[in-house]
Amino acid sequence: MSLIILTLVSCNYLNQGVEVKIDNNSDETITDIVFTTSENLEIVEFESIDTNKSVKGFLSMKKNKVDGTYLIKFTRKNGKIESKEIGYYSNGIPLEEIIEIKITNDSIK
């Protein structure tokens, strides 16, 4: 059992980052999408995501060293900027291989 846990932790550590998938399930295109950590050392940016479309990217966490959260920020068609903290990482190491974010008309999940 300990070998399995060590292997999982080692894979995330060697990867030194996390994949992000963002689904725009809202009725409008969103723009100026930024995904980062609470340390704000590296960012993943997307110009826009059309309605009912998805994008993927990889956030490098090689410089992250402390506990923190992920942050998504984007602009809706009406100009409203939305942001939300999502997930958690420990000592700069992601606990997940992929962060999936779903954006709807009234929420970020």
C-alpha atoms as a PDB file:
ATOM      1  CA  MET A   1       0.000   0.000   0.000  1.00  0.00           C
ATOM      2  CA  SER A   2       2.771   2.490   0.863  1.00  0.00           C
ATOM      3  CA  LEU A   3       4.419   1.852  -2.530  1.00  0.00           C
ATOM      4  CA  ILE A   4       1.204   2.874  -4.302  1.00  0.00           C
ATOM      5  CA  ILE A   5       0.916   6.093  -2.299  1.00  0.00           C
ATOM      6  CA  LEU A   6       4.574   6.918  -2.895  1.00  0.00           C
ATOM      7  CA  THR A   7       4.123   6.349  -6.613  1.00  0.00           C
ATOM      8  CA  LEU A   8       1.105   8.670  -6.796  1.00  0.00           C
ATOM      9  CA  VAL A   9       2.871  11.419  -4.870  1.00  0.00           C
ATOM     10  CA  SER A  10       6.010  10.989  -6.970  1.00  0.00           C
ATOM     11  CA  CYS A  11       4.056  11.313 -10.238  1.00  0.00           C
ATOM     12  CA  ASN A  12       2.571  14.640  -9.187  1.00  0.00           C
ATOM     13  CA  TYR A  13       5.924  15.842  -7.887  1.00  0.00           C
ATOM     14  CA  LEU A  14       7.756  14.929 -11.102  1.00  0.00           C
ATOM     15  CA  ASN A  15       4.995  16.511 -13.172  1.00  0.00           C
ATOM     16  CA  GLN A  16       5.432  19.702 -11.110  1.00  0.00           C
ATOM     17  CA  GLY A  17       2.101  21.108 -12.118  1.00  0.00           C
ATOM     18  CA  VAL A  18      -1.536  20.465 -12.777  1.00  0.00           C
ATOM     19  CA  GLU A  19      -3.667  20.212 -15.892  1.00  0.00           C
ATOM     20  CA  VAL A  20      -6.746  22.448 -16.013  1.00  0.00           C
ATOM     21  CA  LYS A  21      -9.883  21.858 -18.074  1.00  0.00           C
ATOM     22  CA  ILE A  22     -12.436  24.671 -18.272  1.00  0.00           C
ATOM     23  CA  ASP A  23     -15.927  24.046 -19.672  1.00  0.00           C
ATOM     24  CA  ASN A  24     -18.032  27.045 -20.636  1.00  0.00           C
ATOM     25  CA  ASN A  25     -21.595  25.790 -20.109  1.00  0.00           C
ATOM     26  CA  SER A  26     -23.017  29.327 -20.028  1.00  0.00           C
ATOM     27  CA  ASP A  27     -25.084  30.953 -22.760  1.00  0.00           C
ATOM     28  CA  GLU A  28     -22.333  33.418 -23.723  1.00  0.00           C
ATOM     29  CA  THR A  29     -18.657  33.496 -24.644  1.00  0.00           C
ATOM     30  CA  ILE A  30     -16.349  34.323 -21.748  1.00  0.00           C
ATOM     31  CA  THR A  31     -13.060  36.191 -22.206  1.00  0.00           C
ATOM     32  CA  ASP A  32      -9.759  37.003 -20.508  1.00  0.00           C
ATOM     33  CA  ILE A  33      -9.581  33.700 -18.624  1.00  0.00           C
ATOM     34  CA  VAL A  34      -6.725  33.344 -16.136  1.00  0.00           C
ATOM     35  CA  PHE A  35      -5.945  30.242 -14.032  1.00  0.00           C
ATOM     36  CA  THR A  36      -3.244  30.472 -11.352  1.00  0.00           C
ATOM     37  CA  THR A  37      -2.433  29.628  -7.748  1.00  0.00           C
ATOM     38  CA  SER A  38      -2.811  31.789  -4.656  1.00  0.00           C
ATOM     39  CA  GLU A  39       0.970  32.317  -4.861  1.00  0.00           C
ATOM     40  CA  ASN A  40       0.464  33.772  -8.369  1.00  0.00           C
ATOM     41  CA  LEU A  41       3.847  32.553  -9.635  1.00  0.00           C
ATOM     42  CA  GLU A  42       2.744  31.138 -13.014  1.00  0.00           C
ATOM     43  CA  ILE A  43      -0.468  31.556 -14.994  1.00  0.00           C
ATOM     44  CA  VAL A  44      -2.427  29.855 -17.752  1.00  0.00           C
ATOM     45  CA  GLU A  45      -4.343  32.273 -19.970  1.00  0.00           C
ATOM     46  CA  PHE A  46      -7.040  31.810 -22.591  1.00  0.00           C
ATOM     47  CA  GLU A  47      -8.327  34.670 -24.738  1.00  0.00           C
ATOM     48  CA  SER A  48     -11.891  33.314 -24.888  1.00  0.00           C
ATOM     49  CA  ILE A  49     -14.055  30.218 -24.559  1.00  0.00           C
ATOM     50  CA  ASP A  50     -17.165  30.006 -26.711  1.00  0.00           C
ATOM     51  CA  THR A  51     -20.425  28.703 -25.334  1.00  0.00           C
ATOM     52  CA  ASN A  52     -20.505  24.901 -24.874  1.00  0.00           C
ATOM     53  CA  LYS A  53     -16.761  24.645 -25.588  1.00  0.00           C
ATOM     54  CA  SER A  54     -13.813  23.533 -23.447  1.00  0.00           C
ATOM     55  CA  VAL A  55     -10.137  24.399 -23.211  1.00  0.00           C
ATOM     56  CA  LYS A  56      -7.209  22.655 -21.544  1.00  0.00           C
ATOM     57  CA  GLY A  57      -3.874  23.905 -20.305  1.00  0.00           C
ATOM     58  CA  PHE A  58      -1.038  23.019 -17.956  1.00  0.00           C
ATOM     59  CA  LEU A  59      -0.108  25.162 -14.951  1.00  0.00           C
ATOM     60  CA  SER A  60       3.547  24.792 -13.983  1.00  0.00           C
ATOM     61  CA  MET A  61       4.037  24.679 -10.213  1.00  0.00           C
ATOM     62  CA  LYS A  62       7.832  24.312 -10.177  1.00  0.00           C
ATOM     63  CA  LYS A  63       8.220  27.514  -8.128  1.00  0.00           C
ATOM     64  CA  ASN A  64       5.362  26.840  -5.674  1.00  0.00           C
ATOM     65  CA  LYS A  65       6.574  25.884  -2.194  1.00  0.00           C
ATOM     66  CA  VAL A  66       3.716  26.427   0.296  1.00  0.00           C
ATOM     67  CA  ASP A  67       0.080  25.381   0.780  1.00  0.00           C
ATOM     68  CA  GLY A  68      -2.439  27.222  -1.348  1.00  0.00           C
ATOM     69  CA  THR A  69      -5.484  27.235  -3.593  1.00  0.00           C
ATOM     70  CA  TYR A  70      -6.121  27.603  -7.307  1.00  0.00           C
ATOM     71  CA  LEU A  71      -7.827  30.705  -8.681  1.00  0.00           C
ATOM     72  CA  ILE A  72      -9.856  31.212 -11.841  1.00  0.00           C
ATOM     73  CA  LYS A  73     -10.747  34.667 -13.106  1.00  0.00           C
ATOM     74  CA  PHE A  74     -12.632  35.656 -16.273  1.00  0.00           C
ATOM     75  CA  THR A  75     -14.892  38.303 -17.821  1.00  0.00           C
ATOM     76  CA  ARG A  76     -18.515  37.698 -18.791  1.00  0.00           C
ATOM     77  CA  LYS A  77     -20.039  39.293 -21.914  1.00  0.00           C
ATOM     78  CA  ASN A  78     -21.646  42.054 -19.807  1.00  0.00           C
ATOM     79  CA  GLY A  79     -18.163  43.086 -18.570  1.00  0.00           C
ATOM     80  CA  LYS A  80     -18.557  41.556 -15.110  1.00  0.00           C
ATOM     81  CA  ILE A  81     -15.286  40.074 -13.840  1.00  0.00           C
ATOM     82  CA  GLU A  82     -15.759  36.862 -11.881  1.00  0.00           C
ATOM     83  CA  SER A  83     -13.239  34.929  -9.809  1.00  0.00           C
ATOM     84  CA  LYS A  84     -13.269  31.927  -7.522  1.00  0.00           C
ATOM     85  CA  GLU A  85     -10.786  29.941  -5.468  1.00  0.00           C
ATOM     86  CA  ILE A  86     -10.918  26.254  -6.346  1.00  0.00           C
ATOM     87  CA  GLY A  87      -9.146  23.225  -4.915  1.00  0.00           C
ATOM     88  CA  TYR A  88      -6.054  22.994  -2.744  1.00  0.00           C
ATOM     89  CA  TYR A  89      -2.385  22.041  -3.017  1.00  0.00           C
ATOM     90  CA  SER A  90       0.112  21.218  -0.265  1.00  0.00           C
ATOM     91  CA  ASN A  91       3.754  22.327  -0.048  1.00  0.00           C
ATOM     92  CA  GLY A  92       3.581  23.369  -3.696  1.00  0.00           C
ATOM     93  CA  ILE A  93       2.487  19.891  -4.806  1.00  0.00           C
ATOM     94  CA  PRO A  94      -0.933  19.389  -6.456  1.00  0.00           C
ATOM     95  CA  LEU A  95      -3.246  16.838  -4.874  1.00  0.00           C
ATOM     96  CA  GLU A  96      -4.991  16.207  -8.215  1.00  0.00           C
ATOM     97  CA  GLU A  97      -3.681  15.533 -11.702  1.00  0.00           C
ATOM     98  CA  ILE A  98      -6.422  17.617 -13.310  1.00  0.00           C
ATOM     99  CA  ILE A  99      -8.640  20.452 -12.126  1.00  0.00           C
ATOM    100  CA  GLU A 100     -11.990  20.540 -13.945  1.00  0.00           C
ATOM    101  CA  ILE A 101     -13.950  23.787 -13.840  1.00  0.00           C
ATOM    102  CA  LYS A 102     -17.482  24.216 -15.132  1.00  0.00           C
ATOM    103  CA  ILE A 103     -18.799  27.714 -15.768  1.00  0.00           C
ATOM    104  CA  THR A 104     -22.563  28.230 -16.002  1.00  0.00           C
ATOM    105  CA  ASN A 105     -24.702  31.355 -16.280  1.00  0.00           C
ATOM    106  CA  ASP A 106     -24.715  31.822 -12.518  1.00  0.00           C
ATOM    107  CA  SER A 107     -21.955  29.705 -11.014  1.00  0.00           C
ATOM    108  CA  ILE A 108     -18.414  28.373 -11.159  1.00  0.00           C
ATOM    109  CA  LYS A 109     -18.032  24.747 -10.085  1.00  0.00           C
END
